[in-house]
Every structure is written in C-alpha cells, then in structure tokens.
Amino acid sequence: MHNLFAEINKKINGLIWSLFSTGAIILVLAILIVWTDFMLRLVVGLLVLVISYAFFYIAFKLWTVKKSIRDYFER
C-alpha cells in the first residue's frame, strides 16, 4: 500500500509541475503577445492569460487533493 501511494504521489507531483510550467510559459507568451498591435493582440493575450490562470488553478487544486489524501493516510 505504501509503495502504491508513493508512486501515485510521484505521478501527481509530475502533473503539478507540468501544469505549473505550462501556465508560466503561457503567461510569458501572453505578455509578449500584448506588447504589440494593441487591440487584436490584447484580446488574444487576455485569452492566453485566462488559459494560464486555468493551468495554475488546476495545479493548485491537484496539490490540495494530494495534501488531503496524504493527510488521510497518515492518520
């Protein structure tokens, strides 16, 4: 059981870092897109910013679920 939980924990950590890094890259892209050709790029940049926020939010929610599972099994 402990080995299974360690493997699940490792997979969730990988997913969290993947989503976080993807969100960071999209955030940088959003900043670069908005810098030129104002109106069209502003709309596209805001869309990319919203997608970036979604990745950060999913990563945070997965982290809280992982923490809850870990706390449950450590009792």
N, C-alpha and C. Protein backbone atom coordinates (compact mmCIF):
# COMPACT_ATOMS: atom_id res chain seq x y z
N MET A 1 0.83 -1.19 0.00
CA MET A 1 0.00 0.00 0.00
C MET A 1 0.87 1.25 0.00
N HIS A 2 1.94 1.22 0.81
CA HIS A 2 2.81 2.39 0.88
C HIS A 2 3.52 2.64 -0.45
N ASN A 3 3.94 1.57 -1.12
CA ASN A 3 4.61 1.69 -2.41
C ASN A 3 3.66 2.27 -3.46
N LEU A 4 2.40 1.85 -3.44
CA LEU A 4 1.40 2.37 -4.36
C LEU A 4 1.19 3.86 -4.13
N PHE A 5 1.09 4.26 -2.87
CA PHE A 5 0.89 5.68 -2.56
C PHE A 5 2.10 6.51 -2.98
N ALA A 6 3.29 5.98 -2.82
CA ALA A 6 4.50 6.70 -3.25
C ALA A 6 4.50 6.90 -4.76
N GLU A 7 4.06 5.90 -5.49
CA GLU A 7 4.01 6.02 -6.96
C GLU A 7 2.94 7.02 -7.39
N ILE A 8 1.78 6.98 -6.76
CA ILE A 8 0.72 7.95 -7.06
C ILE A 8 1.18 9.37 -6.72
N ASN A 9 1.85 9.51 -5.60
CA ASN A 9 2.38 10.81 -5.18
C ASN A 9 3.37 11.35 -6.20
N LYS A 10 4.23 10.49 -6.72
CA LYS A 10 5.22 10.89 -7.71
C LYS A 10 4.54 11.34 -9.01
N LYS A 11 3.52 10.63 -9.43
CA LYS A 11 2.79 10.98 -10.65
C LYS A 11 2.05 12.30 -10.49
N ILE A 12 1.44 12.52 -9.34
CA ILE A 12 0.72 13.77 -9.11
C ILE A 12 1.70 14.94 -9.06
N ASN A 13 2.85 14.75 -8.43
CA ASN A 13 3.87 15.80 -8.42
C ASN A 13 4.32 16.16 -9.83
N GLY A 14 4.52 15.17 -10.67
CA GLY A 14 4.90 15.41 -12.05
C GLY A 14 3.84 16.19 -12.80
N LEU A 15 2.58 15.84 -12.56
CA LEU A 15 1.47 16.55 -13.21
C LEU A 15 1.38 17.99 -12.73
N ILE A 16 1.58 18.21 -11.44
CA ILE A 16 1.53 19.56 -10.89
C ILE A 16 2.63 20.42 -11.50
N TRP A 17 3.86 19.90 -11.56
CA TRP A 17 4.96 20.69 -12.14
C TRP A 17 4.76 20.92 -13.62
N SER A 18 4.19 19.96 -14.31
CA SER A 18 3.91 20.13 -15.73
C SER A 18 2.88 21.24 -15.97
N LEU A 19 1.81 21.21 -15.20
CA LEU A 19 0.79 22.24 -15.34
C LEU A 19 1.32 23.60 -14.94
N PHE A 20 2.12 23.66 -13.89
CA PHE A 20 2.69 24.94 -13.45
C PHE A 20 3.63 25.52 -14.50
N SER A 21 4.49 24.68 -15.06
CA SER A 21 5.42 25.19 -16.07
C SER A 21 4.69 25.60 -17.34
N THR A 22 3.66 24.85 -17.73
CA THR A 22 2.86 25.23 -18.89
C THR A 22 2.16 26.55 -18.65
N GLY A 23 1.61 26.74 -17.46
CA GLY A 23 0.98 28.01 -17.11
C GLY A 23 1.95 29.16 -17.13
N ALA A 24 3.17 28.94 -16.65
CA ALA A 24 4.18 30.00 -16.66
C ALA A 24 4.58 30.37 -18.08
N ILE A 25 4.75 29.38 -18.95
CA ILE A 25 5.09 29.64 -20.34
C ILE A 25 3.97 30.40 -21.03
N ILE A 26 2.74 30.01 -20.80
CA ILE A 26 1.61 30.70 -21.42
C ILE A 26 1.50 32.12 -20.88
N LEU A 27 1.82 32.33 -19.61
CA LEU A 27 1.81 33.68 -19.04
C LEU A 27 2.84 34.57 -19.73
N VAL A 28 4.04 34.05 -19.95
CA VAL A 28 5.06 34.81 -20.67
C VAL A 28 4.62 35.10 -22.10
N LEU A 29 4.02 34.12 -22.75
CA LEU A 29 3.51 34.34 -24.10
C LEU A 29 2.42 35.41 -24.12
N ALA A 30 1.57 35.41 -23.11
CA ALA A 30 0.52 36.43 -23.04
C ALA A 30 1.12 37.82 -22.94
N ILE A 31 2.16 37.97 -22.15
CA ILE A 31 2.82 39.28 -22.02
C ILE A 31 3.46 39.69 -23.34
N LEU A 32 4.11 38.76 -24.03
CA LEU A 32 4.74 39.08 -25.31
C LEU A 32 3.72 39.40 -26.40
N ILE A 33 2.58 38.73 -26.38
CA ILE A 33 1.55 38.97 -27.39
C ILE A 33 0.95 40.36 -27.23
N VAL A 34 0.70 40.78 -26.01
CA VAL A 34 0.02 42.05 -25.76
C VAL A 34 0.92 43.25 -26.05
N TRP A 35 2.23 43.05 -26.09
CA TRP A 35 3.15 44.16 -26.21
C TRP A 35 3.02 44.93 -27.53
N THR A 36 2.54 44.31 -28.63
CA THR A 36 2.45 44.98 -29.92
C THR A 36 1.05 44.83 -30.52
N ASP A 37 0.75 45.64 -31.54
CA ASP A 37 -0.54 45.64 -32.25
C ASP A 37 -1.71 45.52 -31.27
N PHE A 38 -2.05 46.61 -30.71
CA PHE A 38 -2.81 46.68 -29.46
C PHE A 38 -4.10 45.88 -29.40
N MET A 39 -5.10 46.20 -30.15
CA MET A 39 -6.44 45.66 -29.91
C MET A 39 -6.55 44.15 -30.14
N LEU A 40 -6.14 43.68 -31.30
CA LEU A 40 -6.25 42.25 -31.59
C LEU A 40 -5.36 41.44 -30.65
N ARG A 41 -4.20 41.93 -30.45
CA ARG A 41 -3.27 41.22 -29.57
C ARG A 41 -3.72 41.27 -28.11
N LEU A 42 -4.41 42.33 -27.74
CA LEU A 42 -4.93 42.41 -26.38
C LEU A 42 -5.96 41.32 -26.13
N VAL A 43 -6.84 41.12 -27.09
CA VAL A 43 -7.86 40.08 -26.94
C VAL A 43 -7.21 38.69 -26.90
N VAL A 44 -6.27 38.45 -27.80
CA VAL A 44 -5.60 37.15 -27.82
C VAL A 44 -4.78 36.96 -26.54
N GLY A 45 -4.12 38.03 -26.10
CA GLY A 45 -3.34 37.96 -24.87
C GLY A 45 -4.21 37.67 -23.65
N LEU A 46 -5.37 38.28 -23.59
CA LEU A 46 -6.27 38.01 -22.47
C LEU A 46 -6.77 36.57 -22.49
N LEU A 47 -7.01 36.06 -23.69
CA LEU A 47 -7.42 34.67 -23.80
C LEU A 47 -6.31 33.74 -23.30
N VAL A 48 -5.09 34.03 -23.70
CA VAL A 48 -3.95 33.23 -23.25
C VAL A 48 -3.77 33.37 -21.75
N LEU A 49 -4.01 34.56 -21.22
CA LEU A 49 -3.91 34.79 -19.78
C LEU A 49 -4.95 33.98 -19.01
N VAL A 50 -6.14 33.89 -19.54
CA VAL A 50 -7.18 33.08 -18.91
C VAL A 50 -6.80 31.60 -18.93
N ILE A 51 -6.24 31.13 -20.02
CA ILE A 51 -5.80 29.74 -20.09
C ILE A 51 -4.67 29.50 -19.08
N SER A 52 -3.77 30.47 -18.95
CA SER A 52 -2.69 30.37 -17.98
C SER A 52 -3.24 30.27 -16.56
N TYR A 53 -4.21 31.10 -16.25
CA TYR A 53 -4.85 31.06 -14.93
C TYR A 53 -5.48 29.69 -14.68
N ALA A 54 -6.09 29.11 -15.72
CA ALA A 54 -6.72 27.80 -15.57
C ALA A 54 -5.69 26.74 -15.21
N PHE A 55 -4.51 26.79 -15.85
CA PHE A 55 -3.47 25.82 -15.53
C PHE A 55 -2.97 26.00 -14.09
N PHE A 56 -2.78 27.24 -13.65
CA PHE A 56 -2.36 27.47 -12.27
C PHE A 56 -3.43 26.98 -11.29
N TYR A 57 -4.69 27.21 -11.60
CA TYR A 57 -5.78 26.80 -10.73
C TYR A 57 -5.85 25.27 -10.64
N ILE A 58 -5.72 24.59 -11.77
CA ILE A 58 -5.75 23.13 -11.76
C ILE A 58 -4.58 22.57 -10.96
N ALA A 59 -3.40 23.18 -11.14
CA ALA A 59 -2.23 22.72 -10.38
C ALA A 59 -2.45 22.90 -8.88
N PHE A 60 -3.02 24.03 -8.48
CA PHE A 60 -3.29 24.26 -7.06
C PHE A 60 -4.32 23.27 -6.53
N LYS A 61 -5.36 23.01 -7.27
CA LYS A 61 -6.39 22.07 -6.82
C LYS A 61 -5.83 20.66 -6.71
N LEU A 62 -5.00 20.25 -7.66
CA LEU A 62 -4.38 18.93 -7.55
C LEU A 62 -3.47 18.84 -6.34
N TRP A 63 -2.77 19.92 -6.04
CA TRP A 63 -1.89 19.93 -4.87
C TRP A 63 -2.70 19.79 -3.59
N THR A 64 -3.84 20.48 -3.50
CA THR A 64 -4.67 20.37 -2.30
C THR A 64 -5.27 18.97 -2.16
N VAL A 65 -5.65 18.36 -3.28
CA VAL A 65 -6.18 17.00 -3.23
C VAL A 65 -5.09 16.04 -2.77
N LYS A 66 -3.88 16.22 -3.30
CA LYS A 66 -2.76 15.37 -2.89
C LYS A 66 -2.49 15.52 -1.40
N LYS A 67 -2.54 16.75 -0.92
CA LYS A 67 -2.31 17.01 0.50
C LYS A 67 -3.39 16.35 1.36
N SER A 68 -4.63 16.42 0.92
CA SER A 68 -5.73 15.81 1.66
C SER A 68 -5.59 14.29 1.70
N ILE A 69 -5.22 13.70 0.57
CA ILE A 69 -5.03 12.25 0.53
C ILE A 69 -3.89 11.84 1.45
N ARG A 70 -2.79 12.61 1.41
CA ARG A 70 -1.64 12.29 2.26
C ARG A 70 -2.02 12.40 3.74
N ASP A 71 -2.75 13.46 4.09
CA ASP A 71 -3.18 13.62 5.48
C ASP A 71 -4.11 12.50 5.91
N TYR A 72 -4.96 12.05 5.01
CA TYR A 72 -5.89 10.97 5.35
C TYR A 72 -5.15 9.67 5.64
N PHE A 73 -4.15 9.35 4.84
CA PHE A 73 -3.45 8.09 5.02
C PHE A 73 -2.43 8.15 6.14
N GLU A 74 -2.01 9.34 6.58
CA GLU A 74 -1.04 9.45 7.67
C GLU A 74 -1.70 9.35 9.05
N ARG A 75 -3.00 9.44 9.09
CA ARG A 75 -3.69 9.33 10.38
C ARG A 75 -3.62 7.99 10.92
